[in-house]
Amino acid sequence: MSRALLEHIFNYSECNQEMALPTTDGNLLVVSNDQDIALPATDEELVLLTEKLLEVEVPTNVFFQAIAIAAYDYASAFRYADNFLNSFKKAEI
């Protein structure tokens, strides 16, 4: 299911109950509209994440961990990258 469609479903004001969303393995994921759904990163978001991590020289394991997180939850991947970059910048000071 596309990100735009999911965002439309959860922003629809009359949708106040739980709903079942299809998953890639054929099962259903039951969520309510007040729950945040973890969405995988798009190709464009992966490029942005890579550019963000290339601001400084990051260890390879940090880069690959961020990409692995992005495969399941793009927002968490960006938080992971931001946390690493913030701690890296604090360590330089």
Foldseek 3Di string as FASTA:
>chain_A
DDPVVVVVQLVPVVQAAWDWDADPVGDTDIDGSVDDAFDADDPVLLVVLVVLLVVDDDDPVLNVVLNVVNRTHSVVSVVSSVVVVVVVVVVVD
